[in-house]
PDB file of N, CA and C in Angstrom:
ATOM      1  N   MET A   1      58.530 120.754 110.726  1.00  0.00           N
ATOM      2  CA  MET A   1      59.920 120.923 111.081  1.00  0.00           C
ATOM      3  C   MET A   1      60.059 121.559 112.469  1.00  0.00           C
ATOM      4  N   GLN A   2      59.153 122.472 112.800  1.00  0.00           N
ATOM      5  CA  GLN A   2      59.204 123.118 114.099  1.00  0.00           C
ATOM      6  C   GLN A   2      58.882 122.115 115.213  1.00  0.00           C
ATOM      7  N   GLU A   3      58.031 121.142 114.917  1.00  0.00           N
ATOM      8  CA  GLU A   3      57.693 120.120 115.915  1.00  0.00           C
ATOM      9  C   GLU A   3      58.932 119.330 116.309  1.00  0.00           C
ATOM     10  N   LEU A   4      59.792 119.046 115.348  1.00  0.00           N
ATOM     11  CA  LEU A   4      61.031 118.328 115.636  1.00  0.00           C
ATOM     12  C   LEU A   4      61.935 119.155 116.540  1.00  0.00           C
ATOM     13  N   THR A   5      62.001 120.457 116.310  1.00  0.00           N
ATOM     14  CA  THR A   5      62.817 121.338 117.139  1.00  0.00           C
ATOM     15  C   THR A   5      62.285 121.392 118.567  1.00  0.00           C
ATOM     16  N   VAL A   6      60.974 121.469 118.719  1.00  0.00           N
ATOM     17  CA  VAL A   6      60.366 121.496 120.052  1.00  0.00           C
ATOM     18  C   VAL A   6      60.617 120.174 120.768  1.00  0.00           C
ATOM     19  N   ARG A   7      60.442 119.071 120.066  1.00  0.00           N
ATOM     20  CA  ARG A   7      60.646 117.753 120.670  1.00  0.00           C
ATOM     21  C   ARG A   7      62.106 117.576 121.094  1.00  0.00           C
ATOM     22  N   ARG A   8      63.022 118.026 120.258  1.00  0.00           N
ATOM     23  CA  ARG A   8      64.440 117.913 120.594  1.00  0.00           C
ATOM     24  C   ARG A   8      64.766 118.755 121.821  1.00  0.00           C
ATOM     25  N   GLY A   9      64.168 119.928 121.916  1.00  0.00           N
ATOM     26  CA  GLY A   9      64.399 120.782 123.074  1.00  0.00           C
ATOM     27  C   GLY A   9      63.865 120.180 124.359  1.00  0.00           C
ATOM     28  N   LEU A  10      62.727 119.484 124.267  1.00  0.00           N
ATOM     29  CA  LEU A  10      62.130 118.871 125.456  1.00  0.00           C
ATOM     30  C   LEU A  10      62.856 117.612 125.906  1.00  0.00           C
ATOM     31  N   THR A  11      63.506 116.931 124.988  1.00  0.00           N
ATOM     32  CA  THR A  11      64.194 115.694 125.336  1.00  0.00           C
ATOM     33  C   THR A  11      65.685 115.889 125.530  1.00  0.00           C
ATOM     34  N   ASP A  12      66.155 117.114 125.432  1.00  0.00           N
ATOM     35  CA  ASP A  12      67.568 117.406 125.643  1.00  0.00           C
ATOM     36  C   ASP A  12      67.930 117.095 127.089  1.00  0.00           C
ATOM     37  N   PRO A  13      69.024 116.388 127.332  1.00  0.00           N
ATOM     38  CA  PRO A  13      69.368 116.014 128.712  1.00  0.00           C
ATOM     39  C   PRO A  13      69.922 117.163 129.546  1.00  0.00           C
ATOM     40  N   PHE A  14      70.086 118.340 128.974  1.00  0.00           N
ATOM     41  CA  PHE A  14      70.663 119.449 129.725  1.00  0.00           C
ATOM     42  C   PHE A  14      69.763 119.876 130.888  1.00  0.00           C
ATOM     43  N   LEU A  15      68.469 119.983 130.656  1.00  0.00           N
ATOM     44  CA  LEU A  15      67.568 120.458 131.708  1.00  0.00           C
ATOM     45  C   LEU A  15      67.514 119.541 132.926  1.00  0.00           C
ATOM     46  N   PRO A  16      67.307 118.229 132.760  1.00  0.00           N
ATOM     47  CA  PRO A  16      67.289 117.379 133.961  1.00  0.00           C
ATOM     48  C   PRO A  16      68.639 117.326 134.659  1.00  0.00           C
ATOM     49  N   ALA A  17      69.717 117.310 133.896  1.00  0.00           N
ATOM     50  CA  ALA A  17      71.046 117.263 134.510  1.00  0.00           C
ATOM     51  C   ALA A  17      71.328 118.552 135.273  1.00  0.00           C
ATOM     52  N   ALA A  18      70.944 119.681 134.701  1.00  0.00           N
ATOM     53  CA  ALA A  18      71.146 120.957 135.382  1.00  0.00           C
ATOM     54  C   ALA A  18      70.293 121.042 136.650  1.00  0.00           C
ATOM     55  N   ALA A  19      69.064 120.553 136.578  1.00  0.00           N
ATOM     56  CA  ALA A  19      68.188 120.573 137.754  1.00  0.00           C
ATOM     57  C   ALA A  19      68.745 119.694 138.871  1.00  0.00           C
ATOM     58  N   LEU A  20      69.252 118.518 138.523  1.00  0.00           N
ATOM     59  CA  LEU A  20      69.839 117.638 139.533  1.00  0.00           C
ATOM     60  C   LEU A  20      71.110 118.234 140.127  1.00  0.00           C
ATOM     61  N   ALA A  21      71.911 118.889 139.297  1.00  0.00           N
ATOM     62  CA  ALA A  21      73.132 119.526 139.801  1.00  0.00           C
ATOM     63  C   ALA A  21      72.790 120.662 140.766  1.00  0.00           C
ATOM     64  N   LEU A  22      71.784 121.465 140.413  1.00  0.00           N
ATOM     65  CA  LEU A  22      71.364 122.537 141.305  1.00  0.00           C
ATOM     66  C   LEU A  22      70.804 121.984 142.619  1.00  0.00           C
ATOM     67  N   LEU A  23      70.071 120.894 142.530  1.00  0.00           N
ATOM     68  CA  LEU A  23      69.547 120.252 143.735  1.00  0.00           C
ATOM     69  C   LEU A  23      70.678 119.767 144.627  1.00  0.00           C
ATOM     70  N   ALA A  24      71.713 119.194 144.029  1.00  0.00           N
ATOM     71  CA  ALA A  24      72.854 118.710 144.811  1.00  0.00           C
ATOM     72  C   ALA A  24      73.563 119.858 145.515  1.00  0.00           C
ATOM     73  N   VAL A  25      73.762 120.958 144.793  1.00  0.00           N
ATOM     74  CA  VAL A  25      74.440 122.112 145.393  1.00  0.00           C
ATOM     75  C   VAL A  25      73.588 122.727 146.502  1.00  0.00           C
ATOM     76  N   ALA A  26      72.285 122.860 146.258  1.00  0.00           N
ATOM     77  CA  ALA A  26      71.396 123.427 147.272  1.00  0.00           C
ATOM     78  C   ALA A  26      71.335 122.535 148.506  1.00  0.00           C
ATOM     79  N   ALA A  27      71.280 121.238 148.298  1.00  0.00           N
ATOM     80  CA  ALA A  27      71.233 120.314 149.436  1.00  0.00           C
ATOM     81  C   ALA A  27      72.526 120.363 150.233  1.00  0.00           C
ATOM     82  N   ALA A  28      73.643 120.498 149.534  1.00  0.00           N
ATOM     83  CA  ALA A  28      74.929 120.596 150.237  1.00  0.00           C
ATOM     84  C   ALA A  28      74.994 121.893 151.038  1.00  0.00           C
ATOM     85  N   ALA A  29      74.480 122.974 150.473  1.00  0.00           N
ATOM     86  CA  ALA A  29      74.493 124.261 151.172  1.00  0.00           C
ATOM     87  C   ALA A  29      73.590 124.231 152.404  1.00  0.00           C
ATOM     88  N   LEU A  30      72.515 123.483 152.333  1.00  0.00           N
ATOM     89  CA  LEU A  30      71.595 123.386 153.468  1.00  0.00           C
ATOM     90  C   LEU A  30      72.000 122.294 154.456  1.00  0.00           C
ATOM     91  N   ASP A  31      73.113 121.643 154.157  1.00  0.00           N
ATOM     92  CA  ASP A  31      73.617 120.548 154.989  1.00  0.00           C
ATOM     93  C   ASP A  31      72.619 119.389 155.054  1.00  0.00           C
ATOM     94  N   ALA A  32      71.932 119.150 153.945  1.00  0.00           N
ATOM     95  CA  ALA A  32      71.002 118.026 153.838  1.00  0.00           C
ATOM     96  C   ALA A  32      71.747 116.873 153.158  1.00  0.00           C
ATOM     97  N   THR A  33      72.492 116.132 153.950  1.00  0.00           N
ATOM     98  CA  THR A  33      73.410 115.124 153.437  1.00  0.00           C
ATOM     99  C   THR A  33      72.705 114.056 152.604  1.00  0.00           C
ATOM    100  N   VAL A  34      71.603 113.544 153.096  1.00  0.00           N
ATOM    101  CA  VAL A  34      70.911 112.465 152.384  1.00  0.00           C
ATOM    102  C   VAL A  34      70.390 112.948 151.035  1.00  0.00           C
ATOM    103  N   LEU A  35      69.789 114.130 151.010  1.00  0.00           N
ATOM    104  CA  LEU A  35      69.283 114.672 149.746  1.00  0.00           C
ATOM    105  C   LEU A  35      70.420 114.980 148.783  1.00  0.00           C
ATOM    106  N   CYS A  36      71.534 115.451 149.315  1.00  0.00           N
ATOM    107  CA  CYS A  36      72.693 115.745 148.474  1.00  0.00           C
ATOM    108  C   CYS A  36      73.210 114.470 147.806  1.00  0.00           C
ATOM    109  N   TRP A  37      73.402 113.410 148.594  1.00  0.00           N
ATOM    110  CA  TRP A  37      73.902 112.163 148.022  1.00  0.00           C
ATOM    111  C   TRP A  37      72.874 111.513 147.090  1.00  0.00           C
ATOM    112  N   ALA A  38      71.596 111.694 147.384  1.00  0.00           N
ATOM    113  CA  ALA A  38      70.568 111.151 146.500  1.00  0.00           C
ATOM    114  C   ALA A  38      70.607 111.842 145.148  1.00  0.00           C
ATOM    115  N   SER A  39      70.799 113.158 145.135  1.00  0.00           N
ATOM    116  CA  SER A  39      70.853 113.869 143.866  1.00  0.00           C
ATOM    117  C   SER A  39      72.142 113.561 143.114  1.00  0.00           C
ATOM    118  N   VAL A  40      73.246 113.388 143.828  1.00  0.00           N
ATOM    119  CA  VAL A  40      74.498 112.991 143.170  1.00  0.00           C
ATOM    120  C   VAL A  40      74.344 111.592 142.576  1.00  0.00           C
ATOM    121  N   GLY A  41      73.701 110.694 143.298  1.00  0.00           N
ATOM    122  CA  GLY A  41      73.443 109.351 142.770  1.00  0.00           C
ATOM    123  C   GLY A  41      72.538 109.378 141.552  1.00  0.00           C
ATOM    124  N   ALA A  42      71.559 110.267 141.560  1.00  0.00           N
ATOM    125  CA  ALA A  42      70.679 110.395 140.391  1.00  0.00           C
ATOM    126  C   ALA A  42      71.447 110.914 139.198  1.00  0.00           C
ATOM    127  N   LEU A  43      72.354 111.855 139.415  1.00  0.00           N
ATOM    128  CA  LEU A  43      73.201 112.339 138.324  1.00  0.00           C
ATOM    129  C   LEU A  43      74.070 111.230 137.772  1.00  0.00           C
ATOM    130  N   ALA A  44      74.643 110.427 138.645  1.00  0.00           N
ATOM    131  CA  ALA A  44      75.488 109.312 138.206  1.00  0.00           C
ATOM    132  C   ALA A  44      74.670 108.291 137.421  1.00  0.00           C
ATOM    133  N   GLY A  45      73.509 107.950 137.928  1.00  0.00           N
ATOM    134  CA  GLY A  45      72.656 107.003 137.210  1.00  0.00           C
ATOM    135  C   GLY A  45      72.195 107.532 135.873  1.00  0.00           C
ATOM    136  N   PHE A  46      71.906 108.815 135.829  1.00  0.00           N
ATOM    137  CA  PHE A  46      71.472 109.448 134.575  1.00  0.00           C
ATOM    138  C   PHE A  46      72.594 109.424 133.546  1.00  0.00           C
ATOM    139  N   SER A  47      73.803 109.702 133.983  1.00  0.00           N
ATOM    140  CA  SER A  47      74.924 109.706 133.028  1.00  0.00           C
ATOM    141  C   SER A  47      75.298 108.297 132.606  1.00  0.00           C
ATOM    142  N   LEU A  48      75.180 107.332 133.511  1.00  0.00           N
ATOM    143  CA  LEU A  48      75.534 105.954 133.157  1.00  0.00           C
ATOM    144  C   LEU A  48      74.463 105.270 132.307  1.00  0.00           C
ATOM    145  N   SER A  49      73.267 105.813 132.308  1.00  0.00           N
ATOM    146  CA  SER A  49      72.189 105.174 131.552  1.00  0.00           C
ATOM    147  C   SER A  49      72.318 105.412 130.049  1.00  0.00           C
ATOM    148  N   GLY A  50      73.224 106.276 129.659  1.00  0.00           N
ATOM    149  CA  GLY A  50      73.386 106.582 128.236  1.00  0.00           C
ATOM    150  C   GLY A  50      72.499 107.705 127.781  1.00  0.00           C
ATOM    151  N   SER A  51      71.829 108.359 128.717  1.00  0.00           N
ATOM    152  CA  SER A  51      70.949 109.462 128.355  1.00  0.00           C
ATOM    153  C   SER A  51      71.732 110.735 128.041  1.00  0.00           C
ATOM    154  N   VAL A  52      72.951 110.801 128.515  1.00  0.00           N
ATOM    155  CA  VAL A  52      73.747 112.014 128.315  1.00  0.00           C
ATOM    156  C   VAL A  52      74.679 111.802 127.158  1.00  0.00           C
TER     157      VAL A  52
END
C-alpha cells in the first residue's frame, strides 16, 4: 500500500508544473525572454496534454 502512495507522489503533476512556473518567473526576472516563453510554452503543452 505504501508503494502506491510513493508512486502517486512521484507521478503527481504538481512538481513539474511548479518547477516550470518557477522557471518562467525566474526567466522573466532575469529578462531571459526566450527561456521565459519556452517555459510558458512547456506549461501550456503540459496542461493541454491531459497530464494535469
